[in-house]
Amino acid sequence: MAAASPVSAQEPPALVLELNGAQPSDKGCRLTFVVTNNLGAELAKAAFEIALFNDAGVVDRLTVLDFNELPAGKTKVARFDLAGADCTKIRRVLVNHATECTGAGIDPKACLSQLKPETKSAIAFGV
């Protein structure tokens, strides 16, 4: 039996976006994300529109989170203060769409089509 080739053993290209936590801040609620660019090329700019759902399941707000540049193969931590948001009432965060996804050799749709959302918080997170 032939051994598996290294290509078949590798994970498919992905942009891993992890909601790492939500903490109250002076402004409202601070969301912390850990993002890893495994798309195989640098992203010159990546930004996502997200929807925040409250404890009643209703969309509380839409906002854009700008992660700026994401070097290939690199992990980056980003924090966003959401003015007036109450962390205790956020039940779900949905990535609505990618507002920016640019980089040499990057398909503009890759940031959403190859997005792998994960969460380490009690808040549901996905697409």
N, C-alpha and C. Protein backbone atom coordinates (compact mmCIF):
# COMPACT_ATOMS: atom_id res chain seq x y z
N MET A 1 0.85 -1.18 0.00
CA MET A 1 0.00 0.00 0.00
C MET A 1 0.89 1.24 0.00
N ALA A 2 0.60 2.17 -0.88
CA ALA A 2 1.41 3.37 -1.00
C ALA A 2 1.10 4.34 0.14
N ALA A 3 2.13 5.06 0.55
CA ALA A 3 1.95 6.05 1.61
C ALA A 3 1.20 7.25 1.03
N ALA A 4 0.44 7.92 1.89
CA ALA A 4 -0.30 9.12 1.46
C ALA A 4 0.68 10.21 1.10
N SER A 5 0.40 10.91 0.03
CA SER A 5 1.28 12.00 -0.37
C SER A 5 1.09 13.16 0.60
N PRO A 6 2.13 13.99 0.76
CA PRO A 6 2.01 15.12 1.68
C PRO A 6 0.86 16.06 1.30
N VAL A 7 0.55 16.18 0.01
CA VAL A 7 -0.52 17.07 -0.41
C VAL A 7 -1.87 16.60 0.14
N SER A 8 -2.12 15.30 0.09
CA SER A 8 -3.41 14.81 0.55
C SER A 8 -3.55 14.88 2.07
N ALA A 9 -2.42 14.92 2.77
CA ALA A 9 -2.45 14.98 4.22
C ALA A 9 -2.61 16.41 4.74
N GLN A 10 -2.39 17.39 3.88
CA GLN A 10 -2.47 18.78 4.30
C GLN A 10 -3.92 19.24 4.41
N GLU A 11 -4.13 20.20 5.27
CA GLU A 11 -5.44 20.83 5.39
C GLU A 11 -5.67 21.66 4.12
N PRO A 12 -6.91 21.77 3.67
CA PRO A 12 -7.18 22.65 2.52
C PRO A 12 -6.92 24.10 2.91
N PRO A 13 -6.62 24.95 1.92
CA PRO A 13 -6.39 26.37 2.25
C PRO A 13 -7.58 26.94 2.99
N ALA A 14 -7.30 27.71 4.02
CA ALA A 14 -8.39 28.29 4.81
C ALA A 14 -7.93 29.57 5.48
N LEU A 15 -8.91 30.38 5.81
CA LEU A 15 -8.70 31.56 6.64
C LEU A 15 -9.42 31.24 7.94
N VAL A 16 -8.65 30.92 8.97
CA VAL A 16 -9.23 30.51 10.25
C VAL A 16 -9.50 31.77 11.07
N LEU A 17 -10.75 31.98 11.44
CA LEU A 17 -11.15 33.14 12.22
C LEU A 17 -11.80 32.65 13.49
N GLU A 18 -11.12 32.86 14.60
CA GLU A 18 -11.60 32.37 15.89
C GLU A 18 -12.06 33.54 16.75
N LEU A 19 -13.31 33.45 17.23
CA LEU A 19 -13.79 34.39 18.24
C LEU A 19 -13.23 33.88 19.56
N ASN A 20 -12.23 34.58 20.07
CA ASN A 20 -11.48 34.11 21.22
C ASN A 20 -12.08 34.56 22.54
N GLY A 21 -12.81 35.68 22.53
CA GLY A 21 -13.41 36.14 23.78
C GLY A 21 -14.18 37.43 23.62
N ALA A 22 -14.96 37.73 24.63
CA ALA A 22 -15.73 38.97 24.70
C ALA A 22 -15.66 39.47 26.13
N GLN A 23 -15.14 40.69 26.31
CA GLN A 23 -15.02 41.27 27.63
C GLN A 23 -15.60 42.68 27.64
N PRO A 24 -16.26 43.04 28.74
CA PRO A 24 -16.72 44.43 28.86
C PRO A 24 -15.52 45.38 28.78
N SER A 25 -15.74 46.52 28.15
CA SER A 25 -14.69 47.55 28.06
C SER A 25 -15.30 48.89 28.43
N ASP A 26 -14.46 49.91 28.47
CA ASP A 26 -14.94 51.26 28.79
C ASP A 26 -15.99 51.74 27.78
N LYS A 27 -15.87 51.27 26.54
CA LYS A 27 -16.76 51.71 25.48
C LYS A 27 -18.01 50.85 25.35
N GLY A 28 -17.91 49.58 25.72
CA GLY A 28 -19.04 48.66 25.56
C GLY A 28 -18.57 47.23 25.70
N CYS A 29 -18.35 46.56 24.55
CA CYS A 29 -17.91 45.17 24.56
C CYS A 29 -16.70 45.03 23.65
N ARG A 30 -15.67 44.40 24.12
CA ARG A 30 -14.45 44.17 23.34
C ARG A 30 -14.44 42.72 22.87
N LEU A 31 -14.47 42.52 21.54
CA LEU A 31 -14.35 41.19 20.97
C LEU A 31 -12.90 40.95 20.58
N THR A 32 -12.37 39.80 20.95
CA THR A 32 -11.00 39.43 20.60
C THR A 32 -11.06 38.28 19.60
N PHE A 33 -10.34 38.44 18.50
CA PHE A 33 -10.28 37.43 17.45
C PHE A 33 -8.84 36.98 17.26
N VAL A 34 -8.66 35.70 16.92
CA VAL A 34 -7.38 35.16 16.51
C VAL A 34 -7.60 34.70 15.08
N VAL A 35 -6.82 35.24 14.15
CA VAL A 35 -6.99 34.91 12.74
C VAL A 35 -5.68 34.34 12.19
N THR A 36 -5.79 33.24 11.45
CA THR A 36 -4.63 32.60 10.84
C THR A 36 -4.87 32.50 9.34
N ASN A 37 -3.96 33.09 8.57
CA ASN A 37 -4.07 33.08 7.12
C ASN A 37 -3.35 31.86 6.55
N ASN A 38 -4.13 30.82 6.23
CA ASN A 38 -3.58 29.62 5.60
C ASN A 38 -4.06 29.52 4.15
N LEU A 39 -4.23 30.68 3.51
CA LEU A 39 -4.69 30.70 2.12
C LEU A 39 -3.54 30.51 1.13
N GLY A 40 -2.30 30.61 1.62
CA GLY A 40 -1.14 30.41 0.74
C GLY A 40 -0.60 31.68 0.14
N ALA A 41 -1.22 32.82 0.43
CA ALA A 41 -0.74 34.11 -0.07
C ALA A 41 -1.13 35.20 0.92
N GLU A 42 -0.38 36.29 0.89
CA GLU A 42 -0.66 37.40 1.80
C GLU A 42 -1.96 38.09 1.42
N LEU A 43 -2.73 38.46 2.42
CA LEU A 43 -3.89 39.30 2.22
C LEU A 43 -3.47 40.74 2.52
N ALA A 44 -3.58 41.60 1.54
CA ALA A 44 -3.24 43.01 1.74
C ALA A 44 -4.29 43.68 2.62
N LYS A 45 -5.54 43.18 2.53
CA LYS A 45 -6.62 43.73 3.34
C LYS A 45 -7.73 42.69 3.46
N ALA A 46 -8.19 42.51 4.68
CA ALA A 46 -9.32 41.61 4.95
C ALA A 46 -10.24 42.31 5.94
N ALA A 47 -11.50 42.40 5.59
CA ALA A 47 -12.50 43.01 6.46
C ALA A 47 -13.82 42.25 6.29
N PHE A 48 -14.56 42.15 7.38
CA PHE A 48 -15.81 41.39 7.39
C PHE A 48 -16.93 42.19 8.02
N GLU A 49 -18.11 42.11 7.41
CA GLU A 49 -19.30 42.64 8.05
C GLU A 49 -19.86 41.53 8.93
N ILE A 50 -20.09 41.87 10.20
CA ILE A 50 -20.65 40.88 11.12
C ILE A 50 -21.99 41.39 11.65
N ALA A 51 -22.82 40.43 12.00
CA ALA A 51 -24.10 40.74 12.63
C ALA A 51 -24.05 40.21 14.06
N LEU A 52 -24.49 41.04 15.00
CA LEU A 52 -24.56 40.63 16.40
C LEU A 52 -26.02 40.35 16.74
N PHE A 53 -26.27 39.16 17.26
CA PHE A 53 -27.62 38.78 17.67
C PHE A 53 -27.71 38.88 19.19
N ASN A 54 -28.81 39.44 19.69
CA ASN A 54 -28.98 39.58 21.14
C ASN A 54 -29.58 38.32 21.75
N ASP A 55 -29.88 38.38 23.04
CA ASP A 55 -30.40 37.21 23.75
C ASP A 55 -31.81 36.83 23.31
N ALA A 56 -32.49 37.68 22.54
CA ALA A 56 -33.81 37.34 22.00
C ALA A 56 -33.70 36.79 20.58
N GLY A 57 -32.46 36.67 20.06
CA GLY A 57 -32.26 36.15 18.72
C GLY A 57 -32.46 37.18 17.62
N VAL A 58 -32.52 38.44 18.01
CA VAL A 58 -32.75 39.54 17.07
C VAL A 58 -31.41 40.21 16.75
N VAL A 59 -31.24 40.60 15.48
CA VAL A 59 -30.01 41.31 15.09
C VAL A 59 -29.97 42.65 15.82
N ASP A 60 -28.94 42.84 16.61
CA ASP A 60 -28.76 44.07 17.39
C ASP A 60 -28.05 45.13 16.55
N ARG A 61 -27.06 44.68 15.74
CA ARG A 61 -26.32 45.62 14.91
C ARG A 61 -25.51 44.89 13.86
N LEU A 62 -25.17 45.65 12.80
CA LEU A 62 -24.23 45.22 11.79
C LEU A 62 -23.03 46.14 11.90
N THR A 63 -21.84 45.57 11.80
CA THR A 63 -20.63 46.38 11.87
C THR A 63 -19.54 45.72 11.04
N VAL A 64 -18.57 46.50 10.60
CA VAL A 64 -17.46 45.97 9.82
C VAL A 64 -16.21 45.93 10.70
N LEU A 65 -15.56 44.76 10.70
CA LEU A 65 -14.30 44.57 11.41
C LEU A 65 -13.18 44.49 10.39
N ASP A 66 -12.22 45.41 10.49
CA ASP A 66 -11.12 45.50 9.53
C ASP A 66 -9.86 44.87 10.14
N PHE A 67 -9.43 43.75 9.59
CA PHE A 67 -8.25 43.05 10.08
C PHE A 67 -6.97 43.53 9.39
N ASN A 68 -7.09 44.45 8.44
CA ASN A 68 -5.96 44.99 7.68
C ASN A 68 -5.23 43.88 6.95
N GLU A 69 -3.89 43.91 6.98
CA GLU A 69 -3.11 42.91 6.25
C GLU A 69 -2.91 41.65 7.10
N LEU A 70 -2.90 40.52 6.39
CA LEU A 70 -2.70 39.22 7.05
C LEU A 70 -1.65 38.45 6.26
N PRO A 71 -0.40 38.42 6.74
CA PRO A 71 0.64 37.69 6.03
C PRO A 71 0.32 36.19 5.94
N ALA A 72 0.76 35.57 4.88
CA ALA A 72 0.54 34.14 4.66
C ALA A 72 1.19 33.33 5.77
N GLY A 73 0.46 32.36 6.29
CA GLY A 73 0.98 31.46 7.32
C GLY A 73 1.13 32.08 8.69
N LYS A 74 0.67 33.30 8.88
CA LYS A 74 0.83 34.01 10.15
C LYS A 74 -0.47 34.06 10.93
N THR A 75 -0.33 34.02 12.24
CA THR A 75 -1.47 34.18 13.15
C THR A 75 -1.42 35.58 13.74
N LYS A 76 -2.57 36.22 13.83
CA LYS A 76 -2.67 37.60 14.33
C LYS A 76 -3.83 37.70 15.31
N VAL A 77 -3.65 38.48 16.35
CA VAL A 77 -4.71 38.76 17.32
C VAL A 77 -5.21 40.18 17.04
N ALA A 78 -6.54 40.32 17.01
CA ALA A 78 -7.14 41.63 16.78
C ALA A 78 -8.27 41.82 17.78
N ARG A 79 -8.37 43.05 18.30
CA ARG A 79 -9.44 43.39 19.25
C ARG A 79 -10.25 44.53 18.68
N PHE A 80 -11.56 44.44 18.91
CA PHE A 80 -12.48 45.46 18.42
C PHE A 80 -13.41 45.86 19.54
N ASP A 81 -13.45 47.16 19.86
CA ASP A 81 -14.37 47.68 20.87
C ASP A 81 -15.67 48.08 20.17
N LEU A 82 -16.76 47.48 20.59
CA LEU A 82 -18.07 47.79 20.03
C LEU A 82 -18.81 48.71 20.99
N ALA A 83 -18.82 49.99 20.65
CA ALA A 83 -19.41 51.01 21.51
C ALA A 83 -20.87 50.71 21.81
N GLY A 84 -21.22 50.76 23.09
CA GLY A 84 -22.60 50.59 23.51
C GLY A 84 -23.10 49.16 23.53
N ALA A 85 -22.27 48.20 23.13
CA ALA A 85 -22.70 46.79 23.13
C ALA A 85 -22.53 46.19 24.52
N ASP A 86 -23.45 45.33 24.90
CA ASP A 86 -23.40 44.63 26.19
C ASP A 86 -23.00 43.19 25.92
N CYS A 87 -21.79 42.81 26.34
CA CYS A 87 -21.28 41.45 26.10
C CYS A 87 -22.22 40.37 26.62
N THR A 88 -22.88 40.64 27.73
CA THR A 88 -23.73 39.62 28.34
C THR A 88 -24.99 39.34 27.51
N LYS A 89 -25.30 40.23 26.56
CA LYS A 89 -26.50 40.05 25.75
C LYS A 89 -26.20 39.55 24.33
N ILE A 90 -24.92 39.43 23.98
CA ILE A 90 -24.56 38.91 22.66
C ILE A 90 -24.59 37.40 22.72
N ARG A 91 -25.45 36.79 21.91
CA ARG A 91 -25.58 35.33 21.90
C ARG A 91 -24.97 34.70 20.66
N ARG A 92 -24.91 35.48 19.58
CA ARG A 92 -24.41 34.93 18.33
C ARG A 92 -23.74 36.02 17.52
N VAL A 93 -22.64 35.67 16.86
CA VAL A 93 -21.96 36.56 15.93
C VAL A 93 -21.93 35.84 14.58
N LEU A 94 -22.45 36.48 13.57
CA LEU A 94 -22.52 35.91 12.23
C LEU A 94 -21.66 36.72 11.28
N VAL A 95 -20.80 36.04 10.51
CA VAL A 95 -20.05 36.72 9.46
C VAL A 95 -21.00 36.84 8.27
N ASN A 96 -21.46 38.05 8.00
CA ASN A 96 -22.44 38.30 6.96
C ASN A 96 -21.80 38.23 5.57
N HIS A 97 -20.68 38.94 5.39
CA HIS A 97 -19.90 38.85 4.16
C HIS A 97 -18.55 39.53 4.34
N ALA A 98 -17.67 39.26 3.37
CA ALA A 98 -16.35 39.90 3.37
C ALA A 98 -16.47 41.21 2.60
N THR A 99 -16.22 42.33 3.26
CA THR A 99 -16.30 43.62 2.59
C THR A 99 -15.01 43.94 1.85
N GLU A 100 -13.90 43.34 2.28
CA GLU A 100 -12.59 43.51 1.62
C GLU A 100 -11.88 42.17 1.67
N CYS A 101 -11.28 41.79 0.54
CA CYS A 101 -10.47 40.57 0.48
C CYS A 101 -9.54 40.74 -0.70
N THR A 102 -8.39 41.36 -0.45
CA THR A 102 -7.46 41.65 -1.54
C THR A 102 -6.06 41.15 -1.23
N GLY A 103 -5.38 40.74 -2.27
CA GLY A 103 -4.01 40.27 -2.17
C GLY A 103 -3.60 39.66 -3.50
N ALA A 104 -2.31 39.66 -3.79
CA ALA A 104 -1.81 39.11 -5.04
C ALA A 104 -2.16 37.63 -5.14
N GLY A 105 -2.88 37.27 -6.20
CA GLY A 105 -3.24 35.88 -6.41
C GLY A 105 -4.41 35.39 -5.57
N ILE A 106 -5.07 36.30 -4.85
CA ILE A 106 -6.20 35.92 -3.98
C ILE A 106 -7.52 36.20 -4.69
N ASP A 107 -8.36 35.20 -4.75
CA ASP A 107 -9.72 35.37 -5.27
C ASP A 107 -10.48 36.22 -4.25
N PRO A 108 -11.12 37.31 -4.66
CA PRO A 108 -11.85 38.16 -3.71
C PRO A 108 -12.91 37.41 -2.91
N LYS A 109 -13.37 36.26 -3.40
CA LYS A 109 -14.37 35.48 -2.69
C LYS A 109 -13.75 34.52 -1.67
N ALA A 110 -12.43 34.38 -1.67
CA ALA A 110 -11.75 33.40 -0.82
C ALA A 110 -11.94 33.68 0.67
N CYS A 111 -12.01 34.94 1.06
CA CYS A 111 -12.13 35.27 2.48
C CYS A 111 -13.42 34.72 3.09
N LEU A 112 -14.45 34.58 2.27
CA LEU A 112 -15.70 34.01 2.77
C LEU A 112 -15.82 32.52 2.41
N SER A 113 -15.49 32.18 1.18
CA SER A 113 -15.66 30.78 0.75
C SER A 113 -14.69 29.84 1.47
N GLN A 114 -13.55 30.34 1.90
CA GLN A 114 -12.57 29.50 2.59
C GLN A 114 -12.43 29.88 4.07
N LEU A 115 -13.43 30.60 4.57
CA LEU A 115 -13.44 31.00 5.98
C LEU A 115 -13.78 29.80 6.85
N LYS A 116 -13.00 29.62 7.89
CA LYS A 116 -13.24 28.54 8.86
C LYS A 116 -13.45 29.21 10.22
N PRO A 117 -14.71 29.47 10.59
CA PRO A 117 -14.98 30.12 11.87
C PRO A 117 -14.89 29.13 13.04
N GLU A 118 -14.33 29.61 14.13
CA GLU A 118 -14.22 28.82 15.36
C GLU A 118 -14.51 29.75 16.53
N THR A 119 -14.85 29.18 17.69
CA THR A 119 -15.06 30.01 18.87
C THR A 119 -14.49 29.34 20.10
N LYS A 120 -13.97 30.15 21.00
CA LYS A 120 -13.52 29.70 22.31
C LYS A 120 -14.35 30.41 23.38
N SER A 121 -15.37 31.13 22.94
CA SER A 121 -16.23 31.86 23.87
C SER A 121 -17.57 31.14 23.97
N ALA A 122 -18.43 31.63 24.82
CA ALA A 122 -19.77 31.08 24.96
C ALA A 122 -20.71 31.59 23.88
N ILE A 123 -20.20 32.50 23.04
CA ILE A 123 -20.99 33.09 21.96
C ILE A 123 -20.89 32.20 20.72
N ALA A 124 -22.04 31.87 20.12
CA ALA A 124 -22.03 31.12 18.86
C ALA A 124 -21.43 31.98 17.77
N PHE A 125 -20.61 31.38 16.92
CA PHE A 125 -19.91 32.14 15.87
C PHE A 125 -19.86 31.32 14.59
N GLY A 126 -20.25 31.93 13.47
CA GLY A 126 -20.21 31.21 12.21
C GLY A 126 -20.61 32.07 11.04
N VAL A 127 -20.87 31.40 9.91
CA VAL A 127 -21.26 32.08 8.68
C VAL A 127 -22.67 31.72 8.31
